[in-house]
Amino acid sequence: MKKIICIINCLLVWSYTCVVAQNTSDEAMIHTVHFPEMRVVVNSDIPGAPILSQLQRIDGTEREIRTEKHGLIYPAFFDWNGDGKKDLLLGEFETGQKGSYIKVYLNEGTDAAPSYSGKYFYATDVNGDTITNYQWCCIGIHPRLIDLDQDGYLDIISGQYNPGQISWWRGSKDGFLPRVFIEQEGYVEGAVLSDGKGDDPNSLTYWNYTSVHFADYDGDGLLDLFVGGSGGLRVALNVGTKENPKFGIRKYLLHTDGSKLTIHTRDEKSKAYLYKTYMTPVDWDGDGVLDILLTYEYVKEGHHPVEFFKGVQTPEGLRFEKAIPLFTEKEGRKALPGCQPMITLVDYNNDGVQDIVLGLSIPTINGFEVAPEIAWDWIRNVGIEMPGKDAGRGVEYAGGIEQLIQKIEENPALKNHYLGKLKDYKYLTLRHRGYLFVMYGTKNPKKAKHLSIDIPLGEVEEEVEESMQKPVSISWKLPDKLEVGKELEVEVIFSFQKGWHGYVDDEINTALGFIPTTVDFEFPKGVTKVGETSSSKPSYVGPYPVYEGNQESFKQQVCNEKYVYVSGGRNMVEVNEKVN
């Protein structure tokens, strides 16, 4: 029986606009001294995934690029001033009602070789109001630049610690609109929450530490919500529309064995913290199936900076293999200094391969010096405060160094709170700071093994249409007559509804992270491919080549050596003897 495997991914077109910068900062020109040297890291063997370079720091030419406040740093990129170059956005964390802000660093280099002076201003909306997100504890504003309502303009979206609302600044031709909150099933403004389980919307655990990202989980053309937090690693399907998304109940993401998604540790008995987690859904290995890259606290032995979950399409839907580290340290030690890595994926040097820009929260001493003696230690082992509750701010809150020392001498129990296992009072000035790095990706010569279910030729149309659930339908063609020993052409046809399209598999779309529309032809022994698969000429939406309309097809010539049609049908049988 002849078989065709069709792997289809359709994303909506998007583009972006920009807002002209208006404010600048006069912050002192300070650079960190005694910065720790990076250790050599080794890529894990992930066929199809980009091979990553060693970490290279991203810094300003005049002023240091970093986040203050409580140390957390969340990188993103957006052409803020409309000059065609990727500008740098850094989310930070500040406790209190004023909330956390987004620093904007304009790109003074080129789009392929970004350069930043280090001067920044805070992101604002169309009214000139600072974009801010209330944060009470432990996670900052983490800007995701994505066209959620698919109107052609990138939006800024971020979750929060408590009560787990998701802030949405819609993009427009004039800039970012004032914040609204995304509608989530089960959320009730002002509701008193219980201390229950993470799968109960009436529980505080369900909502706490809400981090967000978006991708099409179920293949219906809508962006779904991937959410981390104290309730585990979950997905909420988009139960609204393209223009007005809203999200259903958060359901657990699962491994291929049906168990809940969990973090890999070298010590399987050790329970890694799951609440300060950030997922990046992406087809990392290029096999046409969505994967997940995950970061978390990175505070105790056995943790890894970035975990990779390979996605697998199963009859039960999208599931994931057990996590493996994206990279490790050469000699098996801690791979990165500090803690709480945060990543964003971008083609930073425009070479057509995804790179990783990574933010790290690193302990410093006396404000300007890094702390080599603790930067490479596990936070849990040293016993120092986590970023978000660092000792440096504790000194300020206690009324200054002298008053704090007096309080500690009067109440020794306070010592552990401010110093952990550290002995010297100089560590009372310890403060976490956020620093930025890039890992350049290069193409992997190894191809990912695609895991899929074979579809008999006679069932292609029905099976694919059911899986795609419109607005994309698929049909196929075979010649009316099939002769043994003759060449023939197999054609798979895509029909896109108006306003929908699939992305062409080319460098432009790949560089931007768009998942291409592809068709893989597999044939039984006795049917041999002749030449390469051909496809229709693409259309263009802006600079992006796409497939759209009613007759977008993929064709494959084959040589048939021993199959004929049965009773004029579309299935074929092997010729074991002369057929009349």
Protein backbone atom coordinates (compact mmCIF):
# COMPACT_ATOMS: atom_id res chain seq x y z
CA MET A 1 0.00 0.00 0.00
CA LYS A 2 1.35 3.37 -0.94
CA LYS A 3 1.58 5.87 1.86
CA ILE A 4 1.97 9.62 2.14
CA ILE A 5 2.91 11.43 5.30
CA CYS A 6 1.75 15.03 5.33
CA ILE A 7 3.18 17.33 7.94
CA ILE A 8 1.33 20.63 7.87
CA ASN A 9 1.87 23.69 9.99
CA CYS A 10 0.03 26.89 9.27
CA LEU A 11 0.64 30.17 11.04
CA LEU A 12 -1.01 33.48 10.47
CA VAL A 13 0.92 36.31 8.92
CA TRP A 14 2.27 38.96 11.19
CA SER A 15 4.34 42.08 10.91
CA TYR A 16 5.29 44.84 13.30
CA THR A 17 5.45 48.54 13.81
CA CYS A 18 7.43 50.73 16.12
CA VAL A 19 7.21 53.68 18.48
CA VAL A 20 9.76 56.48 18.49
CA ALA A 21 11.80 56.78 21.66
CA GLN A 22 11.30 59.92 23.70
CA ASN A 23 13.10 59.56 27.01
CA THR A 24 16.70 58.78 27.92
CA SER A 25 18.48 57.92 31.14
CA ASP A 26 21.34 59.76 32.85
CA GLU A 27 22.42 56.78 34.89
CA ALA A 28 26.11 56.82 35.89
CA MET A 29 28.53 55.17 33.49
CA ILE A 30 29.48 52.15 35.58
CA HIS A 31 30.93 48.83 34.54
CA THR A 32 31.18 45.70 36.64
CA VAL A 33 34.69 44.66 37.59
CA HIS A 34 36.00 41.16 38.27
CA PHE A 35 33.33 39.63 36.06
CA PRO A 36 33.47 35.81 36.20
CA GLU A 37 34.93 33.95 33.26
CA MET A 38 32.46 31.71 31.46
CA ARG A 39 33.11 27.98 31.54
CA VAL A 40 33.23 25.83 28.41
CA VAL A 41 29.83 24.30 27.65
CA VAL A 42 29.07 21.27 25.49
CA ASN A 43 26.01 20.89 23.26
CA SER A 44 23.79 17.90 23.87
CA ASP A 45 23.32 15.61 20.86
CA ILE A 46 19.98 16.80 19.48
CA PRO A 47 19.73 15.98 15.74
CA GLY A 48 18.33 18.87 13.75
CA ALA A 49 18.76 21.43 16.54
CA PRO A 50 21.13 24.41 16.12
CA ILE A 51 24.63 23.84 17.44
CA LEU A 52 25.28 26.60 19.96
CA SER A 53 28.47 28.61 20.43
CA GLN A 54 30.05 29.47 23.76
CA LEU A 55 28.41 32.31 25.67
CA GLN A 56 29.41 35.82 24.60
CA ARG A 57 28.42 38.78 26.72
CA ILE A 58 26.27 41.55 25.22
CA ASP A 59 27.33 44.90 26.66
CA GLY A 60 27.10 48.60 25.87
CA THR A 61 29.87 50.62 24.24
CA GLU A 62 29.44 53.51 26.70
CA ARG A 63 27.43 52.15 29.59
CA GLU A 64 26.94 48.70 30.98
CA ILE A 65 23.87 46.76 29.87
CA ARG A 66 22.30 45.27 32.97
CA THR A 67 19.21 45.29 35.13
CA GLU A 68 19.24 46.63 38.67
CA LYS A 69 16.22 46.45 40.92
CA HIS A 70 16.19 42.86 42.15
CA GLY A 71 18.43 41.33 39.51
CA LEU A 72 16.07 39.43 37.21
CA ILE A 73 16.49 40.06 33.47
CA TYR A 74 14.21 39.04 30.60
CA PRO A 75 15.47 39.77 27.04
CA ALA A 76 13.31 40.44 23.99
CA PHE A 77 13.75 42.18 20.62
CA PHE A 78 11.58 44.66 18.72
CA ASP A 79 12.19 47.36 16.14
CA TRP A 80 11.15 50.20 18.44
CA ASN A 81 12.07 53.20 16.29
CA GLY A 82 11.17 51.75 12.91
CA ASP A 83 14.63 51.81 11.35
CA GLY A 84 14.55 48.13 10.37
CA LYS A 85 16.94 46.98 13.11
CA LYS A 86 16.31 44.80 16.13
CA ASP A 87 16.36 46.88 19.33
CA LEU A 88 16.86 45.29 22.73
CA LEU A 89 14.12 45.17 25.37
CA LEU A 90 14.95 44.05 28.92
CA GLY A 91 12.23 43.21 31.40
CA GLU A 92 13.22 43.68 35.04
CA PHE A 93 11.74 43.12 38.48
CA GLU A 94 10.78 45.60 41.18
CA THR A 95 8.57 44.82 44.15
CA GLY A 96 5.60 47.09 44.76
CA GLN A 97 2.63 48.82 43.23
CA LYS A 98 4.67 50.80 40.72
CA GLY A 99 5.69 47.46 39.30
CA SER A 100 8.36 46.25 36.92
CA TYR A 101 9.44 48.13 33.78
CA ILE A 102 10.95 47.38 30.38
CA LYS A 103 14.27 48.99 29.40
CA VAL A 104 14.69 49.83 25.70
CA TYR A 105 18.18 49.93 24.17
CA LEU A 106 18.23 51.22 20.58
CA ASN A 107 20.40 49.31 18.10
CA GLU A 108 23.16 51.63 16.89
CA GLY A 109 24.82 48.96 14.76
CA THR A 110 23.19 46.93 12.00
CA ASP A 111 20.45 44.34 12.06
CA ALA A 112 23.03 41.60 11.44
CA ALA A 113 25.56 43.02 13.94
CA PRO A 114 23.64 44.78 16.72
CA SER A 115 25.45 47.33 18.88
CA TYR A 116 24.15 49.26 21.85
CA SER A 117 25.62 52.27 23.65
CA GLY A 118 24.06 51.21 26.94
CA LYS A 119 21.80 54.26 27.11
CA TYR A 120 18.19 53.28 27.61
CA PHE A 121 14.70 54.58 28.26
CA TYR A 122 11.60 52.85 29.60
CA ALA A 123 8.98 51.51 27.23
CA THR A 124 5.77 53.53 27.06
CA ASP A 125 2.32 53.11 25.52
CA VAL A 126 0.58 55.41 23.02
CA ASN A 127 -0.44 57.74 25.87
CA GLY A 128 3.14 58.17 27.03
CA ASP A 129 2.50 56.11 30.16
CA THR A 130 5.27 53.75 31.25
CA ILE A 131 4.53 50.11 30.50
CA THR A 132 4.56 48.49 33.91
CA ASN A 133 3.34 45.29 35.50
CA TYR A 134 2.52 44.94 39.18
CA GLN A 135 4.76 42.32 40.77
CA TRP A 136 4.77 41.45 44.44
CA CYS A 137 7.25 38.61 44.37
CA CYS A 138 9.91 36.79 42.55
CA ILE A 139 9.15 37.03 38.83
CA GLY A 140 9.46 40.19 36.81
CA ILE A 141 7.80 41.56 33.72
CA HIS A 142 8.82 39.12 30.99
CA PRO A 143 7.90 40.70 27.65
CA ARG A 144 6.80 38.33 24.90
CA LEU A 145 6.61 40.04 21.51
CA ILE A 146 3.96 38.19 19.54
CA ASP A 147 1.00 39.12 17.36
CA LEU A 148 -1.60 37.50 19.58
CA ASP A 149 -4.66 38.90 17.82
CA GLN A 150 -2.98 38.42 14.43
CA ASP A 151 -3.73 41.92 13.17
CA GLY A 152 -0.24 42.46 11.72
CA TYR A 153 1.22 44.24 14.77
CA LEU A 154 3.38 42.67 17.46
CA ASP A 155 1.99 42.91 21.00
CA ILE A 156 3.71 42.94 24.41
CA ILE A 157 2.44 40.26 26.78
CA SER A 158 3.55 39.29 30.28
CA GLY A 159 2.31 37.19 33.17
CA GLN A 160 2.70 37.98 36.85
CA TYR A 161 3.18 36.37 40.25
CA ASN A 162 -0.18 36.96 41.87
CA PRO A 163 -3.09 36.88 41.11
CA GLY A 164 -1.89 35.37 37.83
CA GLN A 165 -3.38 37.86 35.42
CA ILE A 166 -1.87 38.19 31.95
CA SER A 167 -1.16 41.74 30.79
CA TRP A 168 -1.62 42.60 27.12
CA TRP A 169 -0.41 45.75 25.39
CA ARG A 170 -1.80 45.50 21.85
CA GLY A 171 0.41 46.75 19.04
CA SER A 172 -0.96 49.31 16.61
CA LYS A 173 0.28 51.66 13.90
CA ASP A 174 0.69 54.33 16.58
CA GLY A 175 2.41 52.16 19.20
CA PHE A 176 1.33 49.95 22.07
CA LEU A 177 -2.19 50.50 23.40
CA PRO A 178 -2.87 50.77 27.15
CA ARG A 179 -2.83 47.50 29.04
CA VAL A 180 -5.79 45.16 29.15
CA PHE A 181 -6.01 41.73 30.78
CA ILE A 182 -6.43 38.56 28.74
CA GLU A 183 -9.60 36.64 29.45
CA GLN A 184 -8.95 33.32 31.20
CA GLU A 185 -11.55 30.73 32.09
CA GLY A 186 -11.92 30.34 35.84
CA TYR A 187 -10.46 33.73 36.75
CA VAL A 188 -12.70 35.86 38.97
CA GLU A 189 -11.57 39.36 39.92
CA GLY A 190 -11.18 39.69 43.69
CA ALA A 191 -12.02 36.04 44.41
CA VAL A 192 -10.70 34.55 47.67
CA LEU A 193 -8.58 31.59 46.65
CA SER A 194 -7.95 28.44 48.64
CA ASP A 195 -4.60 26.74 49.18
CA GLY A 196 -5.53 23.82 46.96
CA LYS A 197 -4.08 21.90 44.01
CA GLY A 198 -2.68 23.31 40.80
CA ASP A 199 -5.48 21.92 38.64
CA ASP A 200 -8.19 23.81 40.58
CA PRO A 201 -8.94 27.38 39.38
CA ASN A 202 -10.21 28.16 42.88
CA SER A 203 -6.72 27.49 44.22
CA LEU A 204 -3.95 30.04 44.69
CA THR A 205 -1.54 27.38 43.44
CA TYR A 206 -3.31 27.33 40.09
CA TRP A 207 -2.58 31.03 39.44
CA ASN A 208 0.68 31.83 41.24
CA TYR A 209 3.86 32.58 39.28
CA THR A 210 2.08 32.73 35.95
CA SER A 211 4.66 32.93 33.15
CA VAL A 212 3.45 32.94 29.56
CA HIS A 213 4.28 32.11 25.98
CA PHE A 214 2.17 31.24 22.94
CA ALA A 215 2.13 28.72 20.10
CA ASP A 216 -0.42 26.61 18.24
CA TYR A 217 -0.66 23.49 20.41
CA ASP A 218 -3.52 21.65 18.73
CA GLY A 219 -3.09 22.63 15.06
CA ASP A 220 -6.28 24.68 14.73
CA GLY A 221 -4.51 27.84 13.56
CA LEU A 222 -5.05 29.68 16.87
CA LEU A 223 -2.31 30.61 19.33
CA ASP A 224 -2.63 28.71 22.61
CA LEU A 225 -1.29 29.71 26.02
CA PHE A 226 1.73 27.87 27.44
CA VAL A 227 1.95 28.71 31.12
CA GLY A 228 4.39 27.93 33.92
CA GLY A 229 3.81 28.45 37.60
CA SER A 230 3.25 26.79 40.95
CA GLY A 231 0.55 24.65 39.33
CA GLY A 232 3.04 22.96 37.00
CA LEU A 233 3.67 23.13 33.25
CA ARG A 234 0.36 23.53 31.43
CA VAL A 235 -1.40 24.66 28.28
CA ALA A 236 -4.68 26.54 27.92
CA LEU A 237 -6.34 26.24 24.52
CA ASN A 238 -7.54 29.35 22.74
CA VAL A 239 -11.34 29.04 22.95
CA GLY A 240 -11.88 32.45 21.36
CA THR A 241 -10.99 33.63 17.88
CA LYS A 242 -7.96 34.99 16.04
CA GLU A 243 -9.08 38.55 16.62
CA ASN A 244 -10.34 38.08 20.18
CA PRO A 245 -8.41 35.30 21.90
CA LYS A 246 -9.47 33.92 25.24
CA PHE A 247 -8.15 30.88 27.00
CA GLY A 248 -9.72 27.86 28.62
CA ILE A 249 -8.76 25.81 31.65
CA ARG A 250 -5.05 25.18 32.05
CA LYS A 251 -4.33 21.49 31.45
CA TYR A 252 -1.10 19.66 32.20
CA LEU A 253 1.38 19.06 29.44
CA LEU A 254 2.25 15.37 29.28
CA HIS A 255 5.16 13.11 28.49
CA THR A 256 4.74 10.39 25.87
CA ASP A 257 4.04 7.92 28.71
CA GLY A 258 1.12 10.05 29.95
CA SER A 259 2.88 11.47 33.03
CA LYS A 260 2.99 15.18 33.80
CA LEU A 261 5.85 17.18 32.30
CA THR A 262 8.75 17.35 34.78
CA ILE A 263 12.26 18.78 34.87
CA HIS A 264 15.29 16.59 34.35
CA THR A 265 17.73 16.29 37.25
CA ARG A 266 20.84 14.19 37.68
CA ASP A 267 19.38 13.05 40.99
CA GLU A 268 15.97 11.62 40.08
CA LYS A 269 15.03 11.57 43.78
CA SER A 270 15.59 15.32 43.98
CA LYS A 271 12.49 17.38 43.38
CA ALA A 272 13.32 20.38 41.26
CA TYR A 273 11.24 23.47 41.82
CA LEU A 274 8.53 23.87 39.24
CA TYR A 275 6.99 27.20 40.04
CA LYS A 276 9.53 29.74 38.65
CA THR A 277 9.47 28.20 35.19
CA TYR A 278 9.43 29.77 31.74
CA MET A 279 8.55 27.81 28.61
CA THR A 280 9.49 28.65 25.03
CA PRO A 281 7.44 26.51 22.60
CA VAL A 282 9.34 26.14 19.33
CA ASP A 283 10.20 23.50 16.75
CA TRP A 284 13.80 23.45 17.96
CA ASP A 285 14.96 20.38 16.03
CA GLY A 286 13.17 21.23 12.77
CA ASP A 287 11.13 18.04 12.46
CA GLY A 288 7.80 19.86 12.02
CA VAL A 289 6.59 19.14 15.56
CA LEU A 290 6.48 21.69 18.40
CA ASP A 291 9.10 21.25 21.14
CA ILE A 292 9.65 23.11 24.41
CA LEU A 293 12.72 24.86 25.80
CA LEU A 294 12.39 25.47 29.52
CA THR A 295 14.30 27.50 32.12
CA TYR A 296 13.74 27.58 35.86
CA GLU A 297 15.45 28.64 39.10
CA TYR A 298 18.78 26.87 38.53
CA VAL A 299 19.68 27.05 42.22
CA LYS A 300 20.68 23.56 43.32
CA GLU A 301 22.92 20.73 42.19
CA GLY A 302 21.39 18.64 39.44
CA HIS A 303 19.70 21.58 37.75
CA HIS A 304 20.48 22.56 34.16
CA PRO A 305 20.30 26.02 32.60
CA VAL A 306 17.95 25.08 29.73
CA GLU A 307 15.92 21.87 29.33
CA PHE A 308 14.77 20.47 25.97
CA PHE A 309 11.49 18.54 25.60
CA LYS A 310 11.14 16.93 22.17
CA GLY A 311 7.58 17.04 20.86
CA VAL A 312 5.91 13.94 19.45
CA GLN A 313 2.55 13.76 17.67
CA THR A 314 0.54 10.86 19.08
CA PRO A 315 -3.07 9.66 18.60
CA GLU A 316 -3.77 11.42 21.93
CA GLY A 317 -2.32 14.72 20.65
CA LEU A 318 0.99 16.50 21.20
CA ARG A 319 3.17 14.99 23.89
CA PHE A 320 6.81 15.32 24.87
CA GLU A 321 9.76 13.06 25.54
CA LYS A 322 11.62 13.30 28.84
CA ALA A 323 13.70 16.44 29.24
CA ILE A 324 17.40 16.56 28.46
CA PRO A 325 19.74 19.52 29.07
CA LEU A 326 20.29 21.71 26.03
CA PHE A 327 23.93 22.01 27.03
CA THR A 328 26.16 21.06 29.96
CA GLU A 329 29.48 22.15 31.41
CA LYS A 330 32.55 20.43 29.90
CA GLU A 331 33.63 18.82 33.17
CA GLY A 332 30.18 18.25 34.62
CA ARG A 333 30.15 21.26 36.94
CA LYS A 334 27.73 24.18 37.11
CA ALA A 335 27.47 25.46 33.53
CA LEU A 336 26.52 29.10 34.23
CA PRO A 337 27.15 31.55 37.05
CA GLY A 338 24.26 32.97 39.02
CA CYS A 339 20.74 31.67 38.70
CA GLN A 340 17.33 32.03 36.98
CA PRO A 341 18.34 31.93 33.28
CA MET A 342 15.88 33.54 30.88
CA ILE A 343 16.03 33.02 27.12
CA THR A 344 14.62 34.43 23.94
CA LEU A 345 15.10 32.96 20.47
CA VAL A 346 16.20 35.30 17.69
CA ASP A 347 18.41 35.19 14.62
CA TYR A 348 20.75 37.68 16.24
CA ASN A 349 23.28 37.79 13.37
CA ASN A 350 20.81 37.19 10.51
CA ASP A 351 22.51 34.03 9.25
CA GLY A 352 19.28 32.05 8.96
CA VAL A 353 19.80 29.99 12.13
CA GLN A 354 18.15 30.57 15.49
CA ASP A 355 20.37 31.94 18.25
CA ILE A 356 19.72 32.09 21.98
CA VAL A 357 19.99 35.35 23.91
CA LEU A 358 20.19 34.51 27.59
CA GLY A 359 19.83 36.63 30.71
CA LEU A 360 21.48 35.64 34.01
CA SER A 361 20.97 36.96 37.52
CA ILE A 362 24.43 37.09 39.11
CA PRO A 363 25.27 38.07 42.72
CA THR A 364 27.47 41.18 43.08
CA ILE A 365 29.20 42.79 46.04
CA ASN A 366 29.42 46.48 46.85
CA GLY A 367 27.27 47.32 43.89
CA PHE A 368 29.90 47.20 41.18
CA GLU A 369 32.00 44.11 41.81
CA VAL A 370 30.93 40.63 40.94
CA ALA A 371 31.24 38.09 43.70
CA PRO A 372 33.52 35.35 42.29
CA GLU A 373 33.33 33.36 45.52
CA ILE A 374 29.57 32.93 45.22
CA ALA A 375 28.81 33.50 41.50
CA TRP A 376 29.64 29.90 40.66
CA ASP A 377 28.15 28.34 43.79
CA TRP A 378 24.66 26.93 43.96
CA ILE A 379 22.41 29.49 45.58
CA ARG A 380 20.86 26.85 47.84
CA ASN A 381 24.28 25.72 49.06
CA VAL A 382 25.45 29.23 49.92
CA GLY A 383 22.16 30.13 51.53
CA ILE A 384 21.98 33.66 50.12
CA GLU A 385 18.73 35.31 49.15
CA MET A 386 17.26 34.61 45.74
CA PRO A 387 16.96 37.44 43.23
CA GLY A 388 13.84 39.38 44.06
CA LYS A 389 14.63 39.33 47.76
CA ASP A 390 18.34 40.10 47.75
CA ALA A 391 20.31 41.23 50.75
CA GLY A 392 21.28 44.55 49.22
CA ARG A 393 17.69 45.75 49.20
CA GLY A 394 17.26 44.22 52.65
CA VAL A 395 19.90 46.60 53.97
CA GLU A 396 17.96 49.54 52.57
CA TYR A 397 14.69 48.31 54.05
CA ALA A 398 16.33 47.84 57.46
CA GLY A 399 17.49 51.46 57.61
CA GLY A 400 21.09 51.09 56.49
CA ILE A 401 24.13 48.97 57.27
CA GLU A 402 24.73 50.22 60.82
CA GLN A 403 21.17 49.74 61.93
CA LEU A 404 21.03 46.30 60.35
CA ILE A 405 24.23 45.14 62.06
CA GLN A 406 22.80 46.34 65.35
CA LYS A 407 19.56 44.43 64.73
CA ILE A 408 21.50 41.25 63.91
CA GLU A 409 23.58 41.54 67.10
CA GLU A 410 20.39 42.00 69.10
CA ASN A 411 18.61 39.17 67.30
CA PRO A 412 21.05 36.60 65.84
CA ALA A 413 18.20 34.82 64.09
CA LEU A 414 18.18 37.67 61.54
CA LYS A 415 21.70 36.75 60.43
CA ASN A 416 20.59 33.76 58.39
CA HIS A 417 17.89 35.79 56.75
CA TYR A 418 20.33 38.41 55.47
CA LEU A 419 23.61 36.48 55.23
CA GLY A 420 22.73 32.84 54.83
CA LYS A 421 25.93 30.88 55.43
CA LEU A 422 28.18 33.87 54.74
CA LYS A 423 30.27 35.15 57.62
CA ASP A 424 31.48 38.60 56.58
CA TYR A 425 29.28 41.65 57.06
CA LYS A 426 30.48 43.03 53.71
CA TYR A 427 28.05 40.59 52.11
CA LEU A 428 25.24 42.71 53.47
CA THR A 429 25.82 44.87 50.40
CA LEU A 430 25.26 41.85 48.12
CA ARG A 431 22.87 42.52 45.28
CA HIS A 432 21.77 40.46 42.28
CA ARG A 433 22.21 42.05 38.88
CA GLY A 434 21.01 40.89 35.49
CA TYR A 435 23.55 40.42 32.65
CA LEU A 436 23.06 39.43 29.03
CA PHE A 437 24.71 36.83 26.77
CA VAL A 438 24.29 35.36 23.28
CA MET A 439 24.88 31.82 22.06
CA TYR A 440 25.12 31.78 18.26
CA GLY A 441 23.50 28.87 16.45
CA THR A 442 24.91 27.06 13.42
CA LYS A 443 23.18 24.47 11.24
CA ASN A 444 23.31 20.90 12.47
CA PRO A 445 24.37 18.36 9.80
CA LYS A 446 22.29 15.74 11.60
CA LYS A 447 18.59 15.73 10.72
CA ALA A 448 15.93 15.12 13.31
CA LYS A 449 14.04 11.85 13.10
CA HIS A 450 10.41 12.64 12.47
CA LEU A 451 8.01 10.65 14.59
CA SER A 452 4.60 10.27 12.94
CA ILE A 453 1.81 7.90 12.06
CA ASP A 454 1.64 6.53 8.52
CA ILE A 455 -1.57 7.30 6.65
CA PRO A 456 -2.70 4.94 3.84
CA LEU A 457 -3.07 6.75 0.55
CA GLY A 458 -6.79 6.13 0.30
CA GLU A 459 -7.35 7.77 3.68
CA VAL A 460 -5.17 10.87 3.28
CA GLU A 461 -7.91 13.36 2.51
CA GLU A 462 -10.21 12.35 5.37
CA GLU A 463 -7.50 11.92 7.99
CA VAL A 464 -5.69 15.17 7.26
CA GLU A 465 -8.85 17.23 7.03
CA GLU A 466 -10.01 15.88 10.37
CA SER A 467 -6.68 16.67 12.00
CA MET A 468 -6.54 20.18 10.61
CA GLN A 469 -10.26 20.92 11.32
CA LYS A 470 -10.27 23.64 8.67
CA PRO A 471 -9.44 26.44 7.68
CA VAL A 472 -6.98 24.29 5.72
CA SER A 473 -8.19 21.32 3.71
CA ILE A 474 -6.06 18.83 1.82
CA SER A 475 -6.74 16.61 -1.15
CA TRP A 476 -4.60 14.51 -3.46
CA LYS A 477 -4.38 13.35 -7.06
CA LEU A 478 -3.19 10.23 -8.82
CA PRO A 479 -3.30 9.60 -12.59
CA ASP A 480 -6.39 7.82 -13.91
CA LYS A 481 -4.26 4.97 -15.19
CA LEU A 482 -1.43 3.22 -13.38
CA GLU A 483 0.93 0.95 -15.30
CA VAL A 484 3.69 -1.24 -13.95
CA GLY A 485 7.11 0.07 -14.96
CA LYS A 486 5.87 3.56 -15.80
CA GLU A 487 6.47 6.90 -14.18
CA LEU A 488 3.63 8.76 -12.53
CA GLU A 489 3.04 11.90 -10.52
CA VAL A 490 1.57 12.12 -7.02
CA GLU A 491 0.14 15.50 -6.01
CA VAL A 492 -1.01 16.81 -2.60
CA ILE A 493 -3.17 19.96 -2.78
CA PHE A 494 -3.69 22.54 -0.01
CA SER A 495 -6.74 24.79 0.06
CA PHE A 496 -6.48 27.79 2.41
CA GLN A 497 -9.52 29.81 3.39
CA LYS A 498 -9.37 33.56 2.76
CA GLY A 499 -7.12 35.29 5.28
CA TRP A 500 -5.10 32.13 6.01
CA HIS A 501 -1.86 30.86 4.60
CA GLY A 502 1.10 28.56 5.21
CA TYR A 503 4.73 29.66 5.32
CA VAL A 504 7.21 28.62 2.62
CA ASP A 505 10.27 26.70 3.81
CA ASP A 506 12.93 29.34 3.14
CA GLU A 507 15.61 31.26 5.03
CA ILE A 508 13.53 34.39 5.65
CA ASN A 509 10.75 32.53 7.40
CA THR A 510 13.15 30.19 9.21
CA ALA A 511 15.13 33.13 10.59
CA LEU A 512 11.94 34.57 12.06
CA GLY A 513 10.92 31.26 13.61
CA PHE A 514 7.92 30.62 11.32
CA ILE A 515 7.04 26.94 10.99
CA PRO A 516 6.98 26.02 7.28
CA THR A 517 4.33 24.05 5.42
CA THR A 518 5.97 20.83 4.28
CA VAL A 519 4.99 17.52 2.72
CA ASP A 520 7.05 14.37 3.11
CA PHE A 521 6.41 11.55 0.64
CA GLU A 522 7.14 8.00 1.74
CA PHE A 523 6.59 5.06 -0.61
CA PRO A 524 6.74 1.27 -0.23
CA LYS A 525 9.47 -0.79 -1.77
CA GLY A 526 8.93 -0.90 -5.49
CA VAL A 527 7.98 2.77 -5.88
CA THR A 528 11.01 5.02 -6.34
CA LYS A 529 11.18 8.82 -6.23
CA VAL A 530 12.30 10.51 -9.45
CA GLY A 531 13.80 13.96 -8.89
CA GLU A 532 12.93 16.43 -6.15
CA THR A 533 9.52 17.38 -4.78
CA SER A 534 8.17 20.48 -6.55
CA SER A 535 5.73 23.02 -5.18
CA SER A 536 3.59 25.92 -6.39
CA LYS A 537 5.07 29.37 -6.74
CA PRO A 538 4.59 31.30 -3.49
CA SER A 539 2.68 34.50 -2.90
CA TYR A 540 4.10 37.26 -0.70
CA VAL A 541 2.68 38.91 2.40
CA GLY A 542 5.09 41.76 2.90
CA PRO A 543 8.57 40.17 2.61
CA TYR A 544 7.34 36.73 3.67
CA PRO A 545 6.79 34.05 0.98
CA VAL A 546 3.59 32.10 1.71
CA TYR A 547 1.16 29.57 0.22
CA GLU A 548 -2.42 30.77 -0.04
CA GLY A 549 -5.53 30.22 -2.10
CA ASN A 550 -7.14 27.07 -3.43
CA GLN A 551 -4.53 25.33 -5.57
CA GLU A 552 -1.23 25.25 -3.67
CA SER A 553 0.31 21.89 -4.37
CA PHE A 554 3.33 19.65 -3.86
CA LYS A 555 4.20 17.21 -6.64
CA GLN A 556 6.46 14.16 -6.67
CA GLN A 557 7.44 12.06 -9.71
CA VAL A 558 7.90 8.37 -9.01
CA CYS A 559 8.70 5.25 -10.98
CA ASN A 560 6.24 2.45 -10.34
CA GLU A 561 7.82 -0.99 -10.63
CA LYS A 562 5.16 -3.40 -9.35
CA TYR A 563 1.86 -1.85 -8.28
CA VAL A 564 -1.53 -1.53 -9.98
CA TYR A 565 -4.89 -0.10 -8.98
CA VAL A 566 -7.46 -2.43 -7.51
CA SER A 567 -10.95 -2.26 -9.04
CA GLY A 568 -10.36 1.27 -10.24
CA GLY A 569 -9.83 2.47 -6.67
CA ARG A 570 -7.06 4.54 -5.22
CA ASN A 571 -5.32 1.83 -3.21
CA MET A 572 -2.60 -0.20 -4.86
CA VAL A 573 -1.54 -3.82 -4.57
CA GLU A 574 1.79 -5.45 -5.25
CA VAL A 575 2.08 -7.33 -8.56
CA ASN A 576 3.11 -10.87 -7.66
CA GLU A 577 2.04 -12.36 -10.98
CA LYS A 578 0.74 -11.21 -14.35
CA VAL A 579 -2.27 -8.95 -13.97
CA ASN A 580 -4.78 -8.77 -16.87
